[in-house]
Each structure stands twice: as structure tokens, then as C-alpha cells.
């Protein structure tokens, strides 16, 4: 497929991560902005992104119509892979003279947390522009944001607080390993004390299949 290069300049502000980068991108180019293409993510903001954030961006490339979301292999990648690879692997990198269908650049140093509003992933606004929205259900999890780092952030916010009466909170760890780690770290207890429920790992609300529908 043709390749589109996305360059993210600057350091990410607090509370802003991979999910915000990919939502900001989809909001800019649309749900068909990378149709049948490979999205290649680069820049200093990407270099500073942990693996969890990179997985989120790769996973959501399809929401822009892409076939794949790619990152350069760096030390973080190799550190992650070395304890998990079941066989020998080769590192593949882009050619220095690689040709791109287009190159899109962003300065994300002042990017706010992004919110995708109904009913399409490209209907994205900075959180400061989303006002007075009553919610009745919160789902923390899924394949894009059910990793341990996501659960830690949620627990930091929920610790010592209670879910508002009339609001349902469902937490879905992405894997059994993450579920176990969340229990061992006491994160599950924080969610339950706050009034939430913790589900077994499953595909769910995104496709209307289970948990939360």
C-alpha cells in the first residue's frame, strides 16, 4: 500500500498520550484519510511514547481507513520484544530515500486530551471544547486502552472518589495477565471501592457484542 508519514513534533503535555495523538490525527484527516494506506508514525513525540501508546495508535490506524500503523524500531521496542519473541526476528526500517504519498506534520506540544463525540471517530474535539455533557456510563478498557498503564491512570483519578449515582462504571482489562497485575497492584480494589465493576477480558462495547450494551 502507499505510505503516509505522520511527524509529531514536541513533547506531549501531562495527561496526553497515544490515544490523543491518533484521535487528533483522525479528526484532521477523517475516517478515510488513510484509505488502503500504511500510516508511519515518527517525530520526537513518538520517540517519547511508551509501547502502550504506540500499540493504541497502531490499533486505531484502521479508524482512518489504513491497512497498518507502523513505528520505527528503537530501544523501547527491542526491550519489549526480547522477552516475548518466540523465535528469531529481523528488524525492518524505512529506506532513507523512501517515497511517501504525503507527509503530514503536527506540533503537539500544546495538545489537549482529545474526545471523540458521536457518532464517528473523526468527530474529535479538545476536552476544553466539550462542555456540560451528561454521561450515564463509563467504560475503561478495550483493546486500545485496557493496558496496565491505562488502569493506573484511571486508578489515580478514582482513588478516594465515588462514581456519581446513576452512572455505570465498567472496567475491562485487555488480557488476563493485565487483570492479574491490576489485582496484585490493588487497582481492582480502587475501582470496586469507587463503585465500578471489573469484567473479565473481552471484546465488548465497541462492536456491541458484550459488557456495557
N, C-alpha and C. Protein backbone atom coordinates (compact mmCIF):
# COMPACT_ATOMS: atom_id res chain seq x y z
N UNK A 1 0.83 -1.20 0.00
CA UNK A 1 0.00 0.00 0.00
C UNK A 1 0.87 1.26 0.00
N UNK A 2 0.35 2.40 -0.47
CA UNK A 2 1.09 3.65 -0.34
C UNK A 2 1.30 3.99 1.13
N UNK A 3 2.35 4.73 1.43
CA UNK A 3 2.66 5.10 2.82
C UNK A 3 2.47 6.59 3.03
N UNK A 4 1.87 6.93 4.16
CA UNK A 4 1.73 8.32 4.58
C UNK A 4 2.54 8.49 5.85
N UNK A 5 3.41 9.49 5.86
CA UNK A 5 4.28 9.72 7.02
C UNK A 5 3.68 10.82 7.89
N UNK A 6 3.50 10.52 9.17
CA UNK A 6 3.00 11.48 10.13
C UNK A 6 4.13 11.84 11.09
N UNK A 7 4.43 13.12 11.21
CA UNK A 7 5.53 13.58 12.06
C UNK A 7 4.93 14.41 13.19
N UNK A 8 5.19 13.98 14.43
CA UNK A 8 4.65 14.66 15.60
C UNK A 8 5.79 15.36 16.34
N UNK A 9 5.80 16.70 16.27
CA UNK A 9 6.86 17.49 16.87
C UNK A 9 6.48 17.89 18.30
N UNK A 10 7.50 18.00 19.17
CA UNK A 10 7.28 18.50 20.52
C UNK A 10 7.10 17.39 21.54
N UNK A 11 7.12 17.79 22.81
CA UNK A 11 6.90 16.86 23.91
C UNK A 11 5.43 16.91 24.34
N UNK A 12 4.88 15.76 24.65
CA UNK A 12 3.46 15.70 25.00
C UNK A 12 3.21 16.28 26.39
N UNK A 13 2.15 17.09 26.55
CA UNK A 13 1.79 17.60 27.87
C UNK A 13 1.27 16.49 28.77
N UNK A 14 1.12 16.79 30.05
CA UNK A 14 0.57 15.84 31.02
C UNK A 14 -0.82 15.40 30.59
N UNK A 15 -1.14 14.14 30.82
CA UNK A 15 -2.42 13.51 30.52
C UNK A 15 -2.63 13.25 29.04
N UNK A 16 -1.70 13.62 28.19
CA UNK A 16 -1.85 13.40 26.75
C UNK A 16 -0.98 12.23 26.32
N UNK A 17 -1.56 11.29 25.58
CA UNK A 17 -0.81 10.09 25.18
C UNK A 17 -1.15 9.67 23.76
N UNK A 18 -0.87 8.39 23.49
CA UNK A 18 -1.07 7.85 22.15
C UNK A 18 -2.51 7.96 21.66
N UNK A 19 -3.46 7.73 22.55
CA UNK A 19 -4.88 7.81 22.15
C UNK A 19 -5.21 9.21 21.66
N UNK A 20 -4.67 10.23 22.33
CA UNK A 20 -4.94 11.61 21.93
C UNK A 20 -4.29 11.92 20.58
N UNK A 21 -3.08 11.40 20.36
CA UNK A 21 -2.40 11.63 19.08
C UNK A 21 -3.19 11.05 17.92
N UNK A 22 -3.66 9.82 18.08
CA UNK A 22 -4.35 9.18 16.97
C UNK A 22 -5.74 9.79 16.78
N UNK A 23 -6.42 10.17 17.86
CA UNK A 23 -7.71 10.84 17.71
C UNK A 23 -7.55 12.19 17.02
N UNK A 24 -6.53 12.93 17.42
CA UNK A 24 -6.25 14.23 16.79
C UNK A 24 -5.99 14.04 15.29
N UNK A 25 -5.26 12.99 14.96
CA UNK A 25 -4.94 12.70 13.55
C UNK A 25 -6.19 12.33 12.77
N UNK A 26 -7.00 11.44 13.33
CA UNK A 26 -8.23 11.02 12.65
C UNK A 26 -9.18 12.20 12.50
N UNK A 27 -9.23 13.06 13.53
CA UNK A 27 -10.05 14.26 13.45
C UNK A 27 -9.61 15.18 12.33
N UNK A 28 -8.31 15.16 12.04
CA UNK A 28 -7.76 16.02 10.99
C UNK A 28 -7.97 15.42 9.60
N UNK A 29 -7.64 14.13 9.43
CA UNK A 29 -7.67 13.56 8.07
C UNK A 29 -8.97 12.83 7.75
N UNK A 30 -9.78 12.52 8.77
CA UNK A 30 -11.05 11.84 8.54
C UNK A 30 -10.92 10.32 8.59
N UNK A 31 -12.06 9.66 8.62
CA UNK A 31 -12.07 8.20 8.75
C UNK A 31 -11.63 7.50 7.47
N UNK A 32 -11.50 8.24 6.37
CA UNK A 32 -10.98 7.66 5.14
C UNK A 32 -9.72 8.37 4.68
N UNK A 33 -9.09 9.09 5.59
CA UNK A 33 -7.92 9.89 5.23
C UNK A 33 -6.68 9.08 4.90
N UNK A 34 -6.65 7.82 5.34
CA UNK A 34 -5.50 6.96 5.03
C UNK A 34 -5.98 5.68 4.36
N UNK A 35 -7.03 5.79 3.58
CA UNK A 35 -7.68 4.62 2.99
C UNK A 35 -6.68 3.74 2.23
N UNK A 36 -6.63 2.46 2.59
CA UNK A 36 -5.77 1.45 1.98
C UNK A 36 -4.28 1.78 2.10
N UNK A 37 -3.91 2.70 2.98
CA UNK A 37 -2.52 3.12 3.10
C UNK A 37 -1.87 2.57 4.36
N UNK A 38 -0.55 2.70 4.42
CA UNK A 38 0.20 2.44 5.65
C UNK A 38 0.46 3.80 6.31
N UNK A 39 0.16 3.90 7.60
CA UNK A 39 0.44 5.12 8.36
C UNK A 39 1.76 4.91 9.12
N UNK A 40 2.73 5.77 8.86
CA UNK A 40 4.02 5.67 9.53
C UNK A 40 4.15 6.82 10.52
N UNK A 41 4.29 6.50 11.81
CA UNK A 41 4.30 7.50 12.87
C UNK A 41 5.73 7.79 13.32
N UNK A 42 6.14 9.06 13.26
CA UNK A 42 7.50 9.44 13.61
C UNK A 42 7.49 10.78 14.36
N UNK A 43 8.70 11.22 14.76
CA UNK A 43 8.84 12.51 15.43
C UNK A 43 9.21 12.35 16.89
N UNK A 44 9.63 13.45 17.51
CA UNK A 44 10.12 13.36 18.89
C UNK A 44 9.02 12.98 19.89
N UNK A 45 7.78 13.36 19.61
CA UNK A 45 6.69 12.95 20.49
C UNK A 45 6.50 11.44 20.46
N UNK A 46 6.71 10.85 19.28
CA UNK A 46 6.60 9.40 19.14
C UNK A 46 7.77 8.71 19.84
N UNK A 47 8.96 9.29 19.71
CA UNK A 47 10.13 8.71 20.38
C UNK A 47 9.92 8.62 21.89
N UNK A 48 9.20 9.59 22.45
CA UNK A 48 8.96 9.59 23.89
C UNK A 48 7.77 8.75 24.32
N UNK A 49 7.05 8.20 23.35
CA UNK A 49 5.83 7.44 23.66
C UNK A 49 6.18 6.03 24.14
N UNK A 50 5.58 5.58 25.24
CA UNK A 50 5.81 4.19 25.67
C UNK A 50 5.15 3.21 24.71
N UNK A 51 5.47 1.94 24.85
CA UNK A 51 4.93 0.93 23.94
C UNK A 51 3.40 0.89 23.98
N UNK A 52 2.81 1.05 25.15
CA UNK A 52 1.35 1.01 25.25
C UNK A 52 0.72 2.07 24.34
N UNK A 53 1.27 3.27 24.34
CA UNK A 53 0.75 4.33 23.50
C UNK A 53 0.91 4.03 22.02
N UNK A 54 2.02 3.38 21.69
CA UNK A 54 2.25 3.01 20.29
C UNK A 54 1.26 1.93 19.84
N UNK A 55 1.00 0.98 20.72
CA UNK A 55 0.02 -0.06 20.39
C UNK A 55 -1.36 0.57 20.13
N UNK A 56 -1.72 1.54 20.95
CA UNK A 56 -3.01 2.20 20.79
C UNK A 56 -3.10 2.87 19.42
N UNK A 57 -2.04 3.57 19.02
CA UNK A 57 -2.05 4.25 17.72
C UNK A 57 -2.11 3.25 16.58
N UNK A 58 -1.32 2.19 16.67
CA UNK A 58 -1.34 1.16 15.61
C UNK A 58 -2.71 0.52 15.50
N UNK A 59 -3.30 0.24 16.66
CA UNK A 59 -4.59 -0.42 16.70
C UNK A 59 -5.68 0.44 16.07
N UNK A 60 -5.57 1.77 16.24
CA UNK A 60 -6.61 2.66 15.76
C UNK A 60 -6.34 3.21 14.36
N UNK A 61 -5.24 2.80 13.74
CA UNK A 61 -4.99 3.24 12.36
C UNK A 61 -6.14 2.84 11.45
N UNK A 62 -6.76 1.72 11.76
CA UNK A 62 -7.90 1.25 10.94
C UNK A 62 -9.05 2.25 10.97
N UNK A 63 -9.14 3.04 12.05
CA UNK A 63 -10.22 4.03 12.15
C UNK A 63 -10.03 5.17 11.15
N UNK A 64 -8.83 5.26 10.56
CA UNK A 64 -8.60 6.23 9.49
C UNK A 64 -8.61 5.54 8.13
N UNK A 65 -9.00 4.26 8.11
CA UNK A 65 -9.06 3.51 6.87
C UNK A 65 -7.77 2.84 6.47
N UNK A 66 -6.75 2.92 7.34
CA UNK A 66 -5.42 2.40 6.98
C UNK A 66 -5.36 0.88 7.06
N UNK A 67 -4.40 0.33 6.35
CA UNK A 67 -4.13 -1.11 6.44
C UNK A 67 -3.25 -1.43 7.64
N UNK A 68 -2.38 -0.48 8.04
CA UNK A 68 -1.44 -0.76 9.12
C UNK A 68 -0.91 0.56 9.68
N UNK A 69 -0.54 0.53 10.96
CA UNK A 69 0.15 1.65 11.60
C UNK A 69 1.53 1.21 12.01
N UNK A 70 2.58 1.93 11.57
CA UNK A 70 3.97 1.50 11.75
C UNK A 70 4.79 2.51 12.57
N UNK A 71 5.73 1.97 13.33
CA UNK A 71 6.68 2.78 14.10
C UNK A 71 8.10 2.31 13.80
N UNK A 72 9.06 3.21 13.90
CA UNK A 72 10.45 2.81 13.82
C UNK A 72 10.80 1.94 15.02
N UNK A 73 11.69 0.99 14.80
CA UNK A 73 12.18 0.15 15.89
C UNK A 73 13.25 0.91 16.65
N UNK A 74 13.07 1.06 17.97
CA UNK A 74 14.07 1.72 18.81
C UNK A 74 14.36 0.85 20.03
N UNK A 75 15.07 1.42 20.97
CA UNK A 75 15.44 0.65 22.16
C UNK A 75 14.24 0.15 22.94
N UNK A 76 13.19 0.97 23.02
CA UNK A 76 11.98 0.56 23.75
C UNK A 76 11.34 -0.65 23.08
N UNK A 77 11.34 -0.63 21.75
CA UNK A 77 10.76 -1.76 21.01
C UNK A 77 11.53 -3.04 21.30
N UNK A 78 12.85 -2.96 21.16
CA UNK A 78 13.67 -4.15 21.35
C UNK A 78 13.58 -4.67 22.77
N UNK A 79 13.50 -3.76 23.75
CA UNK A 79 13.38 -4.16 25.14
C UNK A 79 12.07 -4.92 25.36
N UNK A 80 11.02 -4.44 24.72
CA UNK A 80 9.72 -5.08 24.85
C UNK A 80 9.71 -6.46 24.19
N UNK A 81 10.32 -6.54 23.00
CA UNK A 81 10.25 -7.75 22.20
C UNK A 81 11.13 -8.88 22.74
N UNK A 82 12.27 -8.52 23.33
CA UNK A 82 13.27 -9.55 23.64
C UNK A 82 12.77 -10.61 24.62
N UNK A 83 11.88 -10.24 25.54
CA UNK A 83 11.37 -11.22 26.50
C UNK A 83 10.09 -11.90 26.00
N UNK A 84 9.60 -11.48 24.84
CA UNK A 84 8.33 -12.00 24.36
C UNK A 84 8.44 -12.78 23.06
N UNK A 85 9.47 -12.49 22.27
CA UNK A 85 9.61 -13.16 20.98
C UNK A 85 9.83 -14.65 21.15
N UNK A 86 9.11 -15.44 20.41
CA UNK A 86 9.22 -16.90 20.49
C UNK A 86 10.18 -17.44 19.45
N UNK A 87 10.67 -16.58 18.57
CA UNK A 87 11.57 -17.01 17.51
C UNK A 87 12.45 -15.84 17.10
N UNK A 88 13.46 -16.12 16.32
CA UNK A 88 14.35 -15.06 15.84
C UNK A 88 13.56 -14.07 14.97
N UNK A 89 13.96 -12.81 14.99
CA UNK A 89 13.24 -11.82 14.21
C UNK A 89 14.24 -10.87 13.53
N UNK A 90 13.79 -10.25 12.47
CA UNK A 90 14.58 -9.25 11.76
C UNK A 90 13.95 -7.87 11.95
N UNK A 91 14.80 -6.88 12.14
CA UNK A 91 14.32 -5.51 12.26
C UNK A 91 14.21 -4.90 10.86
N UNK A 92 13.05 -4.35 10.56
CA UNK A 92 12.81 -3.72 9.26
C UNK A 92 12.67 -2.22 9.46
N UNK A 93 13.42 -1.45 8.69
CA UNK A 93 13.35 0.00 8.79
C UNK A 93 13.09 0.61 7.41
N UNK A 94 12.52 1.81 7.43
CA UNK A 94 12.26 2.51 6.18
C UNK A 94 13.55 2.96 5.53
N UNK A 95 13.57 2.96 4.20
CA UNK A 95 14.75 3.45 3.48
C UNK A 95 14.90 4.96 3.67
N UNK A 96 16.13 5.42 3.69
CA UNK A 96 16.38 6.85 3.85
C UNK A 96 15.78 7.67 2.71
N UNK A 97 15.69 7.06 1.52
CA UNK A 97 15.13 7.77 0.37
C UNK A 97 13.70 7.31 0.05
N UNK A 98 13.02 6.79 1.08
CA UNK A 98 11.66 6.28 0.87
C UNK A 98 10.74 7.38 0.35
N UNK A 99 9.87 7.01 -0.56
CA UNK A 99 8.90 7.94 -1.14
C UNK A 99 7.55 7.78 -0.43
N UNK A 100 6.95 8.89 -0.06
CA UNK A 100 5.67 8.86 0.63
C UNK A 100 4.59 9.50 -0.22
N UNK A 101 3.39 8.96 -0.10
CA UNK A 101 2.26 9.56 -0.80
C UNK A 101 2.06 11.00 -0.32
N UNK A 102 2.26 11.20 0.98
CA UNK A 102 2.24 12.55 1.55
C UNK A 102 2.91 12.51 2.93
N UNK A 103 3.33 13.66 3.40
CA UNK A 103 3.90 13.81 4.74
C UNK A 103 3.06 14.85 5.48
N UNK A 104 2.55 14.47 6.65
CA UNK A 104 1.69 15.36 7.45
C UNK A 104 2.38 15.60 8.78
N UNK A 105 2.53 16.87 9.16
CA UNK A 105 3.27 17.23 10.38
C UNK A 105 2.36 17.96 11.37
N UNK A 106 2.58 17.67 12.66
CA UNK A 106 1.82 18.31 13.72
C UNK A 106 2.79 18.79 14.81
N UNK A 107 2.46 19.93 15.42
CA UNK A 107 3.13 20.35 16.65
C UNK A 107 2.17 19.99 17.79
N UNK A 108 2.57 19.03 18.61
CA UNK A 108 1.66 18.52 19.64
C UNK A 108 2.06 18.97 21.04
N UNK A 109 2.95 19.95 21.11
CA UNK A 109 3.46 20.38 22.42
C UNK A 109 2.37 21.02 23.29
N UNK A 110 1.29 21.49 22.66
CA UNK A 110 0.20 22.10 23.43
C UNK A 110 -1.12 21.34 23.23
N UNK A 111 -1.00 20.10 22.79
CA UNK A 111 -2.21 19.31 22.52
C UNK A 111 -2.94 18.99 23.82
N UNK A 112 -4.25 19.17 23.81
CA UNK A 112 -5.08 18.80 24.96
C UNK A 112 -5.53 17.35 24.82
N UNK A 113 -6.00 16.74 25.91
CA UNK A 113 -6.69 15.45 25.76
C UNK A 113 -7.83 15.60 24.75
N UNK A 114 -7.99 14.60 23.90
CA UNK A 114 -8.96 14.65 22.81
C UNK A 114 -10.18 13.79 23.13
N UNK A 115 -11.34 14.22 22.67
CA UNK A 115 -12.58 13.49 22.89
C UNK A 115 -13.25 13.24 21.55
N UNK A 116 -13.55 11.98 21.26
CA UNK A 116 -14.31 11.63 20.06
C UNK A 116 -15.79 11.60 20.44
N UNK A 117 -16.57 12.41 19.77
CA UNK A 117 -18.00 12.53 20.07
C UNK A 117 -18.81 11.69 19.08
N UNK A 118 -20.07 11.39 19.42
CA UNK A 118 -20.90 10.61 18.49
C UNK A 118 -21.00 11.33 17.15
N UNK A 119 -21.13 10.56 16.07
CA UNK A 119 -21.21 9.09 16.03
C UNK A 119 -20.10 8.53 15.15
N UNK A 120 -18.97 9.22 15.11
CA UNK A 120 -17.92 8.81 14.19
C UNK A 120 -16.57 9.20 14.82
N UNK A 121 -15.53 8.37 14.65
CA UNK A 121 -14.25 8.65 15.32
C UNK A 121 -13.59 9.96 14.92
N UNK A 122 -13.98 10.52 13.78
CA UNK A 122 -13.37 11.77 13.35
C UNK A 122 -14.05 13.01 13.94
N UNK A 123 -15.13 12.81 14.67
CA UNK A 123 -15.81 13.94 15.32
C UNK A 123 -15.09 14.24 16.63
N UNK A 124 -13.89 14.78 16.50
CA UNK A 124 -12.97 14.93 17.64
C UNK A 124 -12.88 16.39 18.05
N UNK A 125 -12.89 16.62 19.38
CA UNK A 125 -12.71 17.97 19.91
C UNK A 125 -11.74 17.92 21.09
N UNK A 126 -10.99 19.01 21.33
CA UNK A 126 -10.21 19.09 22.57
C UNK A 126 -11.17 19.08 23.76
N UNK A 127 -10.72 18.53 24.87
CA UNK A 127 -11.62 18.37 26.02
C UNK A 127 -12.18 19.71 26.50
N UNK A 128 -11.43 20.81 26.32
CA UNK A 128 -11.90 22.11 26.78
C UNK A 128 -13.12 22.60 26.00
N UNK A 129 -13.34 22.03 24.81
CA UNK A 129 -14.47 22.43 23.99
C UNK A 129 -15.70 21.55 24.20
N UNK A 130 -15.57 20.54 25.05
CA UNK A 130 -16.69 19.64 25.33
C UNK A 130 -17.24 20.02 26.70
N UNK A 131 -18.39 20.67 26.72
CA UNK A 131 -18.92 21.21 27.97
C UNK A 131 -20.30 20.65 28.27
N UNK A 132 -20.58 20.48 29.57
CA UNK A 132 -21.92 20.15 30.06
C UNK A 132 -22.53 18.94 29.37
N UNK A 133 -21.75 17.88 29.24
CA UNK A 133 -22.26 16.63 28.67
C UNK A 133 -22.56 15.66 29.81
N UNK A 134 -23.82 15.30 29.95
CA UNK A 134 -24.20 14.33 30.97
C UNK A 134 -23.86 12.93 30.46
N UNK A 135 -23.19 12.15 31.27
CA UNK A 135 -22.89 10.77 30.88
C UNK A 135 -23.57 9.82 31.85
N UNK A 136 -23.94 8.64 31.35
CA UNK A 136 -24.56 7.65 32.22
C UNK A 136 -23.75 6.36 32.29
N UNK A 137 -22.70 6.28 31.48
CA UNK A 137 -21.86 5.08 31.53
C UNK A 137 -20.43 5.41 31.13
N UNK A 138 -19.49 4.81 31.85
CA UNK A 138 -18.07 4.95 31.55
C UNK A 138 -17.48 3.56 31.39
N UNK A 139 -16.77 3.34 30.29
CA UNK A 139 -16.07 2.07 30.08
C UNK A 139 -14.58 2.37 30.00
N UNK A 140 -13.80 1.76 30.87
CA UNK A 140 -12.35 1.89 30.86
C UNK A 140 -11.81 0.54 30.41
N UNK A 141 -11.15 0.51 29.25
CA UNK A 141 -10.65 -0.77 28.77
C UNK A 141 -10.60 -0.83 27.26
N UNK A 142 -10.88 -1.99 26.74
CA UNK A 142 -10.86 -2.31 25.31
C UNK A 142 -9.45 -2.62 24.84
N UNK A 143 -9.34 -3.02 23.57
CA UNK A 143 -8.03 -3.38 23.03
C UNK A 143 -7.12 -2.16 22.92
N UNK A 144 -7.69 -0.95 22.84
CA UNK A 144 -6.85 0.24 22.70
C UNK A 144 -6.48 0.85 24.05
N UNK A 145 -7.28 0.68 25.08
CA UNK A 145 -6.98 1.35 26.35
C UNK A 145 -7.32 0.50 27.57
N UNK A 146 -6.97 -0.78 27.50
CA UNK A 146 -7.18 -1.64 28.65
C UNK A 146 -5.86 -2.16 29.22
N UNK A 147 -4.78 -1.44 28.94
CA UNK A 147 -3.46 -1.88 29.41
C UNK A 147 -3.20 -1.41 30.83
N UNK A 148 -2.18 -1.95 31.44
CA UNK A 148 -1.91 -1.65 32.85
C UNK A 148 -1.69 -0.15 33.05
N UNK A 149 -0.98 0.49 32.12
CA UNK A 149 -0.74 1.93 32.26
C UNK A 149 -2.05 2.71 32.24
N UNK A 150 -3.02 2.27 31.42
CA UNK A 150 -4.33 2.93 31.38
C UNK A 150 -5.06 2.76 32.72
N UNK A 151 -5.00 1.55 33.26
CA UNK A 151 -5.68 1.28 34.53
C UNK A 151 -5.04 2.06 35.68
N UNK A 152 -3.73 2.23 35.62
CA UNK A 152 -3.05 3.02 36.66
C UNK A 152 -3.50 4.48 36.64
N UNK A 153 -3.63 5.04 35.45
CA UNK A 153 -4.10 6.43 35.33
C UNK A 153 -5.52 6.55 35.88
N UNK A 154 -6.39 5.61 35.50
CA UNK A 154 -7.78 5.64 35.96
C UNK A 154 -7.84 5.50 37.49
N UNK A 155 -7.00 4.63 38.04
CA UNK A 155 -7.00 4.43 39.49
C UNK A 155 -6.52 5.68 40.22
N UNK A 156 -5.56 6.39 39.62
CA UNK A 156 -5.08 7.64 40.21
C UNK A 156 -6.21 8.65 40.35
N UNK A 157 -7.07 8.69 39.34
CA UNK A 157 -8.19 9.64 39.35
C UNK A 157 -9.29 9.18 40.30
N UNK A 158 -9.54 7.88 40.35
CA UNK A 158 -10.67 7.35 41.11
C UNK A 158 -10.37 7.13 42.59
N UNK A 159 -9.10 7.02 42.95
CA UNK A 159 -8.74 6.71 44.34
C UNK A 159 -9.40 7.70 45.32
N UNK A 160 -10.15 7.17 46.26
CA UNK A 160 -10.79 8.00 47.26
C UNK A 160 -12.06 8.69 46.79
N UNK A 161 -12.45 8.46 45.53
CA UNK A 161 -13.67 9.07 44.99
C UNK A 161 -14.74 8.02 44.73
N UNK A 162 -15.95 8.48 44.53
CA UNK A 162 -17.08 7.59 44.23
C UNK A 162 -17.69 7.94 42.88
N UNK A 163 -18.12 6.92 42.17
CA UNK A 163 -18.83 7.13 40.91
C UNK A 163 -20.17 7.78 41.24
N UNK A 164 -20.53 8.80 40.45
CA UNK A 164 -21.78 9.51 40.69
C UNK A 164 -22.97 8.56 40.60
N UNK A 165 -23.95 8.77 41.48
CA UNK A 165 -25.15 7.94 41.45
C UNK A 165 -25.83 8.06 40.09
N UNK A 166 -26.21 6.92 39.52
CA UNK A 166 -26.84 6.91 38.21
C UNK A 166 -25.87 6.71 37.07
N UNK A 167 -24.57 6.67 37.38
CA UNK A 167 -23.55 6.42 36.34
C UNK A 167 -22.97 5.03 36.54
N UNK A 168 -22.85 4.29 35.46
CA UNK A 168 -22.30 2.94 35.50
C UNK A 168 -20.83 2.99 35.07
N UNK A 169 -19.95 2.37 35.84
CA UNK A 169 -18.52 2.30 35.52
C UNK A 169 -18.13 0.84 35.31
N UNK A 170 -17.65 0.53 34.11
CA UNK A 170 -17.23 -0.83 33.77
C UNK A 170 -15.76 -0.79 33.37
N UNK A 171 -14.95 -1.62 34.01
CA UNK A 171 -13.52 -1.69 33.73
C UNK A 171 -13.23 -3.05 33.09
N UNK A 172 -12.58 -3.02 31.91
CA UNK A 172 -12.30 -4.27 31.19
C UNK A 172 -10.81 -4.34 30.90
N UNK A 173 -10.02 -5.05 31.72
CA UNK A 173 -8.60 -5.22 31.39
C UNK A 173 -8.44 -5.92 30.04
N UNK A 174 -7.37 -5.60 29.33
CA UNK A 174 -7.22 -6.12 27.97
C UNK A 174 -6.88 -7.61 27.95
N UNK A 175 -6.16 -8.10 28.95
CA UNK A 175 -5.75 -9.50 28.98
C UNK A 175 -5.84 -10.05 30.39
N UNK A 176 -5.76 -11.37 30.50
CA UNK A 176 -5.76 -12.00 31.83
C UNK A 176 -4.52 -11.58 32.62
N UNK A 177 -3.39 -11.43 31.96
CA UNK A 177 -2.16 -11.02 32.64
C UNK A 177 -2.33 -9.62 33.24
N UNK A 178 -2.91 -8.71 32.45
CA UNK A 178 -3.14 -7.35 32.95
C UNK A 178 -4.16 -7.36 34.08
N UNK A 179 -5.18 -8.19 33.96
CA UNK A 179 -6.17 -8.33 35.03
C UNK A 179 -5.48 -8.74 36.33
N UNK A 180 -4.63 -9.76 36.25
CA UNK A 180 -3.93 -10.25 37.42
C UNK A 180 -3.03 -9.16 38.02
N UNK A 181 -2.31 -8.44 37.16
CA UNK A 181 -1.44 -7.37 37.64
C UNK A 181 -2.26 -6.26 38.31
N UNK A 182 -3.44 -5.97 37.76
CA UNK A 182 -4.30 -4.95 38.35
C UNK A 182 -4.79 -5.37 39.74
N UNK A 183 -5.04 -6.65 39.90
CA UNK A 183 -5.43 -7.17 41.23
C UNK A 183 -4.24 -7.09 42.19
N UNK A 184 -3.08 -7.52 41.72
CA UNK A 184 -1.89 -7.53 42.57
C UNK A 184 -1.47 -6.13 43.01
N UNK A 185 -1.68 -5.13 42.14
CA UNK A 185 -1.31 -3.75 42.47
C UNK A 185 -2.38 -3.03 43.27
N UNK A 186 -3.52 -3.67 43.47
CA UNK A 186 -4.61 -3.03 44.22
C UNK A 186 -5.48 -2.11 43.38
N UNK A 187 -5.28 -2.12 42.05
CA UNK A 187 -6.07 -1.24 41.19
C UNK A 187 -7.53 -1.69 41.16
N UNK A 188 -7.74 -3.00 41.08
CA UNK A 188 -9.12 -3.52 41.03
C UNK A 188 -9.90 -3.11 42.26
N UNK A 189 -9.23 -3.10 43.42
CA UNK A 189 -9.89 -2.70 44.66
C UNK A 189 -10.32 -1.23 44.60
N UNK A 190 -9.47 -0.39 44.01
CA UNK A 190 -9.81 1.04 43.88
C UNK A 190 -11.06 1.20 43.02
N UNK A 191 -11.12 0.46 41.91
CA UNK A 191 -12.29 0.56 41.02
C UNK A 191 -13.56 0.11 41.73
N UNK A 192 -13.46 -0.98 42.45
CA UNK A 192 -14.64 -1.53 43.14
C UNK A 192 -15.06 -0.61 44.29
N UNK A 193 -14.09 -0.10 45.04
CA UNK A 193 -14.41 0.83 46.13
C UNK A 193 -15.09 2.09 45.61
N UNK A 194 -14.73 2.47 44.38
CA UNK A 194 -15.32 3.68 43.78
C UNK A 194 -16.74 3.43 43.28
N UNK A 195 -17.13 2.15 43.20
CA UNK A 195 -18.47 1.82 42.72
C UNK A 195 -18.51 1.24 41.33
N UNK A 196 -17.33 0.85 40.82
CA UNK A 196 -17.26 0.26 39.49
C UNK A 196 -17.34 -1.25 39.53
N UNK A 197 -17.44 -1.87 38.35
CA UNK A 197 -17.37 -3.32 38.24
C UNK A 197 -16.22 -3.65 37.30
N UNK A 198 -15.54 -4.76 37.57
CA UNK A 198 -14.40 -5.19 36.76
C UNK A 198 -14.79 -6.46 36.02
N UNK A 199 -14.72 -6.41 34.69
CA UNK A 199 -15.10 -7.54 33.85
C UNK A 199 -13.87 -8.38 33.53
N UNK A 200 -14.12 -9.63 33.14
CA UNK A 200 -13.06 -10.43 32.56
C UNK A 200 -12.70 -9.85 31.19
N UNK A 201 -11.45 -10.06 30.73
CA UNK A 201 -11.04 -9.51 29.42
C UNK A 201 -11.95 -10.01 28.30
N UNK A 202 -12.41 -9.08 27.47
CA UNK A 202 -13.33 -9.43 26.39
C UNK A 202 -13.43 -8.28 25.41
N UNK A 203 -13.75 -8.60 24.17
CA UNK A 203 -14.18 -7.56 23.24
C UNK A 203 -15.58 -7.16 23.67
N UNK A 204 -15.90 -5.88 23.58
CA UNK A 204 -17.18 -5.51 24.14
C UNK A 204 -17.91 -4.38 23.50
N UNK A 205 -17.95 -3.23 24.19
CA UNK A 205 -18.85 -2.15 23.79
C UNK A 205 -18.61 -1.63 22.38
N UNK A 206 -17.33 -1.66 21.91
CA UNK A 206 -17.04 -1.08 20.60
C UNK A 206 -17.90 -1.70 19.51
N UNK A 207 -17.98 -3.02 19.52
CA UNK A 207 -18.73 -3.70 18.46
C UNK A 207 -20.12 -4.12 18.90
N UNK A 208 -20.50 -3.70 20.10
CA UNK A 208 -21.85 -4.03 20.56
C UNK A 208 -22.04 -5.49 20.89
N UNK A 209 -20.94 -6.15 21.26
CA UNK A 209 -21.01 -7.59 21.48
C UNK A 209 -21.27 -8.04 22.89
N UNK A 210 -20.75 -7.29 23.90
CA UNK A 210 -20.81 -7.79 25.25
C UNK A 210 -20.35 -6.70 26.21
N UNK A 211 -20.81 -6.74 27.44
CA UNK A 211 -20.39 -5.84 28.51
C UNK A 211 -20.63 -4.36 28.19
N UNK A 212 -21.70 -3.86 28.73
CA UNK A 212 -21.94 -2.43 28.59
C UNK A 212 -23.05 -2.09 27.62
N UNK A 213 -23.49 -3.06 26.83
CA UNK A 213 -24.55 -2.78 25.86
C UNK A 213 -25.90 -3.01 26.52
